[in-house]
Amino acid sequence: MERKRYNAKRPIDYLKDSLNQIILIKVKRNRLFRGRLEGFDEHLNLYLEETSQIFEFQDESGNINEENEDLGSIVVRGDNVIFVNLASD
């Protein structure tokens, strides 16, 4: 029986395609970061530059507001990542 080859992308391929792009990362403890993906390793540790942490809060009127804290260059440990919103193709 012959195996069919599919050209489906693996998650690591999406990370490769997103190098030097702005991505959004949610990590444990409900923390959210936005930064430019500079690199990653086999453990999916992510190296980001121009990074900011995003804080969302609700004001008295019920509106959701966002504040940012600039962090510069950071490394996000792969086992803390909940999701990554990658750059589109």
PDB file of N, CA and C in Angstrom:
ATOM      1  N   MET A   1       0.836  -1.175   0.000  1.00  0.00           N
ATOM      2  CA  MET A   1       0.000   0.000   0.000  1.00  0.00           C
ATOM      3  C   MET A   1       0.891   1.252   0.000  1.00  0.00           C
ATOM      4  N   GLU A   2       0.617   2.139  -0.894  1.00  0.00           N
ATOM      5  CA  GLU A   2       1.411   3.355  -1.033  1.00  0.00           C
ATOM      6  C   GLU A   2       0.869   4.449  -0.127  1.00  0.00           C
ATOM      7  N   ARG A   3       1.791   5.108   0.560  1.00  0.00           N
ATOM      8  CA  ARG A   3       1.388   6.209   1.433  1.00  0.00           C
ATOM      9  C   ARG A   3       1.269   7.482   0.619  1.00  0.00           C
ATOM     10  N   LYS A   4       0.213   8.218   0.843  1.00  0.00           N
ATOM     11  CA  LYS A   4       0.034   9.504   0.176  1.00  0.00           C
ATOM     12  C   LYS A   4       0.816  10.558   0.927  1.00  0.00           C
ATOM     13  N   ARG A   5       1.413  11.456   0.179  1.00  0.00           N
ATOM     14  CA  ARG A   5       2.139  12.568   0.788  1.00  0.00           C
ATOM     15  C   ARG A   5       1.233  13.786   0.793  1.00  0.00           C
ATOM     16  N   TYR A   6       1.135  14.380   1.938  1.00  0.00           N
ATOM     17  CA  TYR A   6       0.342  15.593   2.090  1.00  0.00           C
ATOM     18  C   TYR A   6       1.291  16.752   2.327  1.00  0.00           C
ATOM     19  N   ASN A   7       0.944  17.884   1.821  1.00  0.00           N
ATOM     20  CA  ASN A   7       1.761  19.075   2.006  1.00  0.00           C
ATOM     21  C   ASN A   7       1.271  19.913   3.189  1.00  0.00           C
ATOM     22  N   ALA A   8       0.705  19.230   4.169  1.00  0.00           N
ATOM     23  CA  ALA A   8       0.204  19.935   5.343  1.00  0.00           C
ATOM     24  C   ALA A   8       1.377  20.504   6.140  1.00  0.00           C
ATOM     25  N   LYS A   9       1.181  21.708   6.633  1.00  0.00           N
ATOM     26  CA  LYS A   9       2.224  22.345   7.437  1.00  0.00           C
ATOM     27  C   LYS A   9       2.160  21.851   8.876  1.00  0.00           C
ATOM     28  N   ARG A  10       3.337  21.743   9.471  1.00  0.00           N
ATOM     29  CA  ARG A  10       3.444  21.419  10.885  1.00  0.00           C
ATOM     30  C   ARG A  10       3.459  22.731  11.666  1.00  0.00           C
ATOM     31  N   PRO A  11       3.123  22.709  12.943  1.00  0.00           N
ATOM     32  CA  PRO A  11       3.144  23.956  13.727  1.00  0.00           C
ATOM     33  C   PRO A  11       4.494  24.671  13.668  1.00  0.00           C
ATOM     34  N   ILE A  12       5.571  23.919  13.650  1.00  0.00           N
ATOM     35  CA  ILE A  12       6.901  24.542  13.590  1.00  0.00           C
ATOM     36  C   ILE A  12       7.101  25.301  12.279  1.00  0.00           C
ATOM     37  N   ASP A  13       6.449  24.845  11.205  1.00  0.00           N
ATOM     38  CA  ASP A  13       6.535  25.542   9.924  1.00  0.00           C
ATOM     39  C   ASP A  13       5.873  26.915  10.004  1.00  0.00           C
ATOM     40  N   TYR A  14       4.774  26.993  10.753  1.00  0.00           N
ATOM     41  CA  TYR A  14       4.108  28.283  10.925  1.00  0.00           C
ATOM     42  C   TYR A  14       5.000  29.246  11.709  1.00  0.00           C
ATOM     43  N   LEU A  15       5.713  28.730  12.708  1.00  0.00           N
ATOM     44  CA  LEU A  15       6.648  29.584  13.440  1.00  0.00           C
ATOM     45  C   LEU A  15       7.749  30.091  12.521  1.00  0.00           C
ATOM     46  N   LYS A  16       8.289  29.211  11.680  1.00  0.00           N
ATOM     47  CA  LYS A  16       9.334  29.620  10.737  1.00  0.00           C
ATOM     48  C   LYS A  16       8.817  30.718   9.810  1.00  0.00           C
ATOM     49  N   ASP A  17       7.589  30.573   9.353  1.00  0.00           N
ATOM     50  CA  ASP A  17       6.992  31.574   8.463  1.00  0.00           C
ATOM     51  C   ASP A  17       6.745  32.907   9.170  1.00  0.00           C
ATOM     52  N   SER A  18       6.692  32.886  10.503  1.00  0.00           N
ATOM     53  CA  SER A  18       6.386  34.091  11.270  1.00  0.00           C
ATOM     54  C   SER A  18       7.624  34.793  11.812  1.00  0.00           C
ATOM     55  N   LEU A  19       8.818  34.300  11.474  1.00  0.00           N
ATOM     56  CA  LEU A  19      10.033  34.976  11.914  1.00  0.00           C
ATOM     57  C   LEU A  19      10.038  36.411  11.405  1.00  0.00           C
ATOM     58  N   ASN A  20      10.472  37.316  12.257  1.00  0.00           N
ATOM     59  CA  ASN A  20      10.525  38.753  11.979  1.00  0.00           C
ATOM     60  C   ASN A  20       9.151  39.390  11.800  1.00  0.00           C
ATOM     61  N   GLN A  21       8.107  38.710  12.255  1.00  0.00           N
ATOM     62  CA  GLN A  21       6.742  39.240  12.203  1.00  0.00           C
ATOM     63  C   GLN A  21       6.254  39.497  13.628  1.00  0.00           C
ATOM     64  N   ILE A  22       5.285  40.372  13.750  1.00  0.00           N
ATOM     65  CA  ILE A  22       4.669  40.633  15.053  1.00  0.00           C
ATOM     66  C   ILE A  22       3.704  39.494  15.363  1.00  0.00           C
ATOM     67  N   ILE A  23       3.851  38.920  16.576  1.00  0.00           N
ATOM     68  CA  ILE A  23       2.958  37.840  17.003  1.00  0.00           C
ATOM     69  C   ILE A  23       2.369  38.194  18.364  1.00  0.00           C
ATOM     70  N   LEU A  24       1.316  37.494  18.726  1.00  0.00           N
ATOM     71  CA  LEU A  24       0.653  37.657  20.012  1.00  0.00           C
ATOM     72  C   LEU A  24       0.776  36.337  20.754  1.00  0.00           C
ATOM     73  N   ILE A  25       1.187  36.384  22.017  1.00  0.00           N
ATOM     74  CA  ILE A  25       1.398  35.170  22.808  1.00  0.00           C
ATOM     75  C   ILE A  25       0.644  35.289  24.122  1.00  0.00           C
ATOM     76  N   LYS A  26      -0.101  34.250  24.469  1.00  0.00           N
ATOM     77  CA  LYS A  26      -0.725  34.171  25.785  1.00  0.00           C
ATOM     78  C   LYS A  26       0.002  33.078  26.553  1.00  0.00           C
ATOM     79  N   VAL A  27       0.394  33.401  27.779  1.00  0.00           N
ATOM     80  CA  VAL A  27       1.102  32.436  28.610  1.00  0.00           C
ATOM     81  C   VAL A  27       0.300  32.175  29.880  1.00  0.00           C
ATOM     82  N   LYS A  28       0.778  31.243  30.680  1.00  0.00           N
ATOM     83  CA  LYS A  28       0.114  30.904  31.937  1.00  0.00           C
ATOM     84  C   LYS A  28      -0.048  32.148  32.797  1.00  0.00           C
ATOM     85  N   ARG A  29      -0.978  32.075  33.722  1.00  0.00           N
ATOM     86  CA  ARG A  29      -1.329  33.189  34.611  1.00  0.00           C
ATOM     87  C   ARG A  29      -1.972  34.332  33.840  1.00  0.00           C
ATOM     88  N   ASN A  30      -2.542  33.979  32.672  1.00  0.00           N
ATOM     89  CA  ASN A  30      -3.342  34.918  31.878  1.00  0.00           C
ATOM     90  C   ASN A  30      -2.565  36.175  31.479  1.00  0.00           C
ATOM     91  N   ARG A  31      -1.307  35.998  31.105  1.00  0.00           N
ATOM     92  CA  ARG A  31      -0.481  37.121  30.661  1.00  0.00           C
ATOM     93  C   ARG A  31      -0.427  37.120  29.138  1.00  0.00           C
ATOM     94  N   LEU A  32      -0.416  38.320  28.554  1.00  0.00           N
ATOM     95  CA  LEU A  32      -0.471  38.478  27.105  1.00  0.00           C
ATOM     96  C   LEU A  32       0.683  39.372  26.652  1.00  0.00           C
ATOM     97  N   PHE A  33       1.413  38.906  25.607  1.00  0.00           N
ATOM     98  CA  PHE A  33       2.551  39.644  25.074  1.00  0.00           C
ATOM     99  C   PHE A  33       2.406  39.821  23.574  1.00  0.00           C
ATOM    100  N   ARG A  34       2.901  40.962  23.082  1.00  0.00           N
ATOM    101  CA  ARG A  34       2.959  41.212  21.643  1.00  0.00           C
ATOM    102  C   ARG A  34       4.394  41.617  21.334  1.00  0.00           C
ATOM    103  N   GLY A  35       4.995  40.961  20.316  1.00  0.00           N
ATOM    104  CA  GLY A  35       6.363  41.305  19.962  1.00  0.00           C
ATOM    105  C   GLY A  35       6.761  40.711  18.626  1.00  0.00           C
ATOM    106  N   ARG A  36       7.957  41.070  18.178  1.00  0.00           N
ATOM    107  CA  ARG A  36       8.484  40.571  16.912  1.00  0.00           C
ATOM    108  C   ARG A  36       9.270  39.295  17.177  1.00  0.00           C
ATOM    109  N   LEU A  37       8.860  38.196  16.528  1.00  0.00           N
ATOM    110  CA  LEU A  37       9.499  36.898  16.714  1.00  0.00           C
ATOM    111  C   LEU A  37      10.860  36.895  16.030  1.00  0.00           C
ATOM    112  N   GLU A  38      11.912  36.808  16.830  1.00  0.00           N
ATOM    113  CA  GLU A  38      13.278  36.803  16.302  1.00  0.00           C
ATOM    114  C   GLU A  38      13.831  35.390  16.177  1.00  0.00           C
ATOM    115  N   GLY A  39      13.333  34.468  16.992  1.00  0.00           N
ATOM    116  CA  GLY A  39      13.844  33.105  16.928  1.00  0.00           C
ATOM    117  C   GLY A  39      13.123  32.195  17.902  1.00  0.00           C
ATOM    118  N   PHE A  40      13.406  30.906  17.776  1.00  0.00           N
ATOM    119  CA  PHE A  40      12.837  29.897  18.662  1.00  0.00           C
ATOM    120  C   PHE A  40      13.730  28.664  18.598  1.00  0.00           C
ATOM    121  N   ASP A  41      13.534  27.741  19.547  1.00  0.00           N
ATOM    122  CA  ASP A  41      14.322  26.514  19.544  1.00  0.00           C
ATOM    123  C   ASP A  41      13.404  25.299  19.539  1.00  0.00           C
ATOM    124  N   GLU A  42      14.003  24.120  19.681  1.00  0.00           N
ATOM    125  CA  GLU A  42      13.227  22.875  19.595  1.00  0.00           C
ATOM    126  C   GLU A  42      12.253  22.704  20.761  1.00  0.00           C
ATOM    127  N   HIS A  43      12.443  23.461  21.846  1.00  0.00           N
ATOM    128  CA  HIS A  43      11.527  23.411  22.992  1.00  0.00           C
ATOM    129  C   HIS A  43      10.426  24.459  22.870  1.00  0.00           C
ATOM    130  N   LEU A  44      10.424  25.167  21.755  1.00  0.00           N
ATOM    131  CA  LEU A  44       9.490  26.253  21.471  1.00  0.00           C
ATOM    132  C   LEU A  44       9.638  27.428  22.437  1.00  0.00           C
ATOM    133  N   ASN A  45      10.857  27.577  22.992  1.00  0.00           N
ATOM    134  CA  ASN A  45      11.180  28.824  23.676  1.00  0.00           C
ATOM    135  C   ASN A  45      11.215  29.894  22.598  1.00  0.00           C
ATOM    136  N   LEU A  46      10.596  31.023  22.852  1.00  0.00           N
ATOM    137  CA  LEU A  46      10.452  32.066  21.844  1.00  0.00           C
ATOM    138  C   LEU A  46      11.268  33.285  22.241  1.00  0.00           C
ATOM    139  N   TYR A  47      12.061  33.805  21.306  1.00  0.00           N
ATOM    140  CA  TYR A  47      12.830  35.021  21.533  1.00  0.00           C
ATOM    141  C   TYR A  47      12.127  36.159  20.800  1.00  0.00           C
ATOM    142  N   LEU A  48      11.706  37.177  21.574  1.00  0.00           N
ATOM    143  CA  LEU A  48      10.949  38.301  21.026  1.00  0.00           C
ATOM    144  C   LEU A  48      11.698  39.602  21.247  1.00  0.00           C
ATOM    145  N   GLU A  49      11.571  40.502  20.293  1.00  0.00           N
ATOM    146  CA  GLU A  49      12.086  41.864  20.433  1.00  0.00           C
ATOM    147  C   GLU A  49      10.923  42.833  20.283  1.00  0.00           C
ATOM    148  N   GLU A  50      11.159  44.070  20.738  1.00  0.00           N
ATOM    149  CA  GLU A  50      10.120  45.109  20.692  1.00  0.00           C
ATOM    150  C   GLU A  50       8.826  44.603  21.334  1.00  0.00           C
ATOM    151  N   THR A  51       8.981  43.968  22.474  1.00  0.00           N
ATOM    152  CA  THR A  51       7.865  43.301  23.143  1.00  0.00           C
ATOM    153  C   THR A  51       7.158  44.227  24.116  1.00  0.00           C
ATOM    154  N   SER A  52       5.843  44.065  24.187  1.00  0.00           N
ATOM    155  CA  SER A  52       5.066  44.753  25.215  1.00  0.00           C
ATOM    156  C   SER A  52       4.113  43.756  25.850  1.00  0.00           C
ATOM    157  N   GLN A  53       3.893  43.941  27.148  1.00  0.00           N
ATOM    158  CA  GLN A  53       2.884  43.147  27.838  1.00  0.00           C
ATOM    159  C   GLN A  53       1.592  43.929  27.776  1.00  0.00           C
ATOM    160  N   ILE A  54       0.515  43.242  27.477  1.00  0.00           N
ATOM    161  CA  ILE A  54      -0.792  43.872  27.300  1.00  0.00           C
ATOM    162  C   ILE A  54      -1.650  43.591  28.532  1.00  0.00           C
ATOM    163  N   PHE A  55      -2.189  44.652  29.099  1.00  0.00           N
ATOM    164  CA  PHE A  55      -3.095  44.541  30.238  1.00  0.00           C
ATOM    165  C   PHE A  55      -4.466  45.022  29.791  1.00  0.00           C
ATOM    166  N   GLU A  56      -5.461  44.182  29.959  1.00  0.00           N
ATOM    167  CA  GLU A  56      -6.837  44.572  29.626  1.00  0.00           C
ATOM    168  C   GLU A  56      -7.622  44.713  30.923  1.00  0.00           C
ATOM    169  N   PHE A  57      -8.445  45.764  30.988  1.00  0.00           N
ATOM    170  CA  PHE A  57      -9.272  45.969  32.163  1.00  0.00           C
ATOM    171  C   PHE A  57     -10.581  46.615  31.750  1.00  0.00           C
ATOM    172  N   GLN A  58     -11.558  46.472  32.618  1.00  0.00           N
ATOM    173  CA  GLN A  58     -12.889  47.016  32.350  1.00  0.00           C
ATOM    174  C   GLN A  58     -13.080  48.259  33.220  1.00  0.00           C
ATOM    175  N   ASP A  59     -13.508  49.362  32.586  1.00  0.00           N
ATOM    176  CA  ASP A  59     -13.739  50.588  33.348  1.00  0.00           C
ATOM    177  C   ASP A  59     -15.148  50.591  33.946  1.00  0.00           C
ATOM    178  N   GLU A  60     -15.494  51.680  34.631  1.00  0.00           N
ATOM    179  CA  GLU A  60     -16.796  51.771  35.308  1.00  0.00           C
ATOM    180  C   GLU A  60     -17.966  51.678  34.336  1.00  0.00           C
ATOM    181  N   SER A  61     -17.740  52.080  33.070  1.00  0.00           N
ATOM    182  CA  SER A  61     -18.805  52.047  32.065  1.00  0.00           C
ATOM    183  C   SER A  61     -18.940  50.683  31.399  1.00  0.00           C
ATOM    184  N   GLY A  62     -18.051  49.760  31.748  1.00  0.00           N
ATOM    185  CA  GLY A  62     -18.108  48.429  31.159  1.00  0.00           C
ATOM    186  C   GLY A  62     -17.278  48.288  29.896  1.00  0.00           C
ATOM    187  N   ASN A  63     -16.565  49.343  29.517  1.00  0.00           N
ATOM    188  CA  ASN A  63     -15.718  49.284  28.319  1.00  0.00           C
ATOM    189  C   ASN A  63     -14.405  48.580  28.636  1.00  0.00           C
ATOM    190  N   ILE A  64     -13.925  47.768  27.697  1.00  0.00           N
ATOM    191  CA  ILE A  64     -12.636  47.101  27.851  1.00  0.00           C
ATOM    192  C   ILE A  64     -11.548  48.041  27.350  1.00  0.00           C
ATOM    193  N   ASN A  65     -10.583  48.330  28.206  1.00  0.00           N
ATOM    194  CA  ASN A  65      -9.447  49.186  27.857  1.00  0.00           C
ATOM    195  C   ASN A  65      -8.175  48.365  27.872  1.00  0.00           C
ATOM    196  N   GLU A  66      -7.178  48.869  27.177  1.00  0.00           N
ATOM    197  CA  GLU A  66      -5.904  48.170  27.076  1.00  0.00           C
ATOM    198  C   GLU A  66      -4.766  49.122  27.432  1.00  0.00           C
ATOM    199  N   GLU A  67      -3.839  48.638  28.237  1.00  0.00           N
ATOM    200  CA  GLU A  67      -2.607  49.360  28.536  1.00  0.00           C
ATOM    201  C   GLU A  67      -1.441  48.460  28.193  1.00  0.00           C
ATOM    202  N   ASN A  68      -0.314  49.056  27.800  1.00  0.00           N
ATOM    203  CA  ASN A  68       0.866  48.297  27.412  1.00  0.00           C
ATOM    204  C   ASN A  68       2.051  48.697  28.265  1.00  0.00           C
ATOM    205  N   GLU A  69       2.875  47.725  28.578  1.00  0.00           N
ATOM    206  CA  GLU A  69       4.143  47.976  29.255  1.00  0.00           C
ATOM    207  C   GLU A  69       5.252  47.492  28.328  1.00  0.00           C
ATOM    208  N   ASP A  70       6.126  48.387  27.906  1.00  0.00           N
ATOM    209  CA  ASP A  70       7.222  48.016  27.018  1.00  0.00           C
ATOM    210  C   ASP A  70       8.265  47.209  27.782  1.00  0.00           C
ATOM    211  N   LEU A  71       8.649  46.065  27.202  1.00  0.00           N
ATOM    212  CA  LEU A  71       9.606  45.177  27.847  1.00  0.00           C
ATOM    213  C   LEU A  71      10.905  45.024  27.056  1.00  0.00           C
ATOM    214  N   GLY A  72      10.895  45.391  25.783  1.00  0.00           N
ATOM    215  CA  GLY A  72      12.098  45.225  24.959  1.00  0.00           C
ATOM    216  C   GLY A  72      12.266  43.792  24.501  1.00  0.00           C
ATOM    217  N   SER A  73      13.452  43.220  24.715  1.00  0.00           N
ATOM    218  CA  SER A  73      13.752  41.845  24.293  1.00  0.00           C
ATOM    219  C   SER A  73      13.485  40.876  25.442  1.00  0.00           C
ATOM    220  N   ILE A  74      12.745  39.806  25.146  1.00  0.00           N
ATOM    221  CA  ILE A  74      12.446  38.797  26.167  1.00  0.00           C
ATOM    222  C   ILE A  74      12.529  37.399  25.555  1.00  0.00           C
ATOM    223  N   VAL A  75      12.636  36.407  26.433  1.00  0.00           N
ATOM    224  CA  VAL A  75      12.521  35.003  26.049  1.00  0.00           C
ATOM    225  C   VAL A  75      11.317  34.448  26.798  1.00  0.00           C
ATOM    226  N   VAL A  76      10.416  33.809  26.058  1.00  0.00           N
ATOM    227  CA  VAL A  76       9.243  33.177  26.652  1.00  0.00           C
ATOM    228  C   VAL A  76       9.496  31.676  26.639  1.00  0.00           C
ATOM    229  N   ARG A  77       9.485  31.080  27.798  1.00  0.00           N
ATOM    230  CA  ARG A  77       9.730  29.643  27.900  1.00  0.00           C
ATOM    231  C   ARG A  77       8.570  28.871  27.282  1.00  0.00           C
ATOM    232  N   GLY A  78       8.892  27.931  26.426  1.00  0.00           N
ATOM    233  CA  GLY A  78       7.897  27.213  25.645  1.00  0.00           C
ATOM    234  C   GLY A  78       6.827  26.510  26.452  1.00  0.00           C
ATOM    235  N   ASP A  79       7.180  25.973  27.630  1.00  0.00           N
ATOM    236  CA  ASP A  79       6.173  25.236  28.403  1.00  0.00           C
ATOM    237  C   ASP A  79       5.190  26.153  29.120  1.00  0.00           C
ATOM    238  N   ASN A  80       5.387  27.459  29.042  1.00  0.00           N
ATOM    239  CA  ASN A  80       4.434  28.413  29.607  1.00  0.00           C
ATOM    240  C   ASN A  80       3.429  28.921  28.584  1.00  0.00           C
ATOM    241  N   VAL A  81       3.662  28.638  27.313  1.00  0.00           N
ATOM    242  CA  VAL A  81       2.823  29.183  26.242  1.00  0.00           C
ATOM    243  C   VAL A  81       1.493  28.430  26.173  1.00  0.00           C
ATOM    244  N   ILE A  82       0.415  29.196  26.146  1.00  0.00           N
ATOM    245  CA  ILE A  82      -0.932  28.626  25.982  1.00  0.00           C
ATOM    246  C   ILE A  82      -1.335  28.712  24.513  1.00  0.00           C
ATOM    247  N   PHE A  83      -1.133  29.885  23.890  1.00  0.00           N
ATOM    248  CA  PHE A  83      -1.390  30.007  22.458  1.00  0.00           C
ATOM    249  C   PHE A  83      -0.508  31.077  21.857  1.00  0.00           C
ATOM    250  N   VAL A  84      -0.321  30.956  20.539  1.00  0.00           N
ATOM    251  CA  VAL A  84       0.425  31.934  19.775  1.00  0.00           C
ATOM    252  C   VAL A  84      -0.423  32.298  18.567  1.00  0.00           C
ATOM    253  N   ASN A  85      -0.647  33.590  18.381  1.00  0.00           N
ATOM    254  CA  ASN A  85      -1.337  34.076  17.201  1.00  0.00           C
ATOM    255  C   ASN A  85      -0.244  34.511  16.213  1.00  0.00           C
ATOM    256  N   LEU A  86      -0.041  33.702  15.178  1.00  0.00           N
ATOM    257  CA  LEU A  86       1.054  33.913  14.245  1.00  0.00           C
ATOM    258  C   LEU A  86       0.687  34.891  13.145  1.00  0.00           C
ATOM    259  N   ALA A  87       1.711  35.383  12.481  1.00  0.00           N
ATOM    260  CA  ALA A  87       1.495  36.246  11.324  1.00  0.00           C
ATOM    261  C   ALA A  87       0.802  35.457  10.227  1.00  0.00           C
ATOM    262  N   SER A  88      -0.029  36.123   9.462  1.00  0.00           N
ATOM    263  CA  SER A  88      -0.716  35.425   8.374  1.00  0.00           C
ATOM    264  C   SER A  88       0.212  35.272   7.177  1.00  0.00           C
ATOM    265  N   ASP A  89      -0.089  34.280   6.316  1.00  0.00           N
ATOM    266  CA  ASP A  89       0.756  33.976   5.165  1.00  0.00           C
ATOM    267  C   ASP A  89       0.817  35.105   4.184  1.00  0.00           C
TER     268      ASP A  89
END
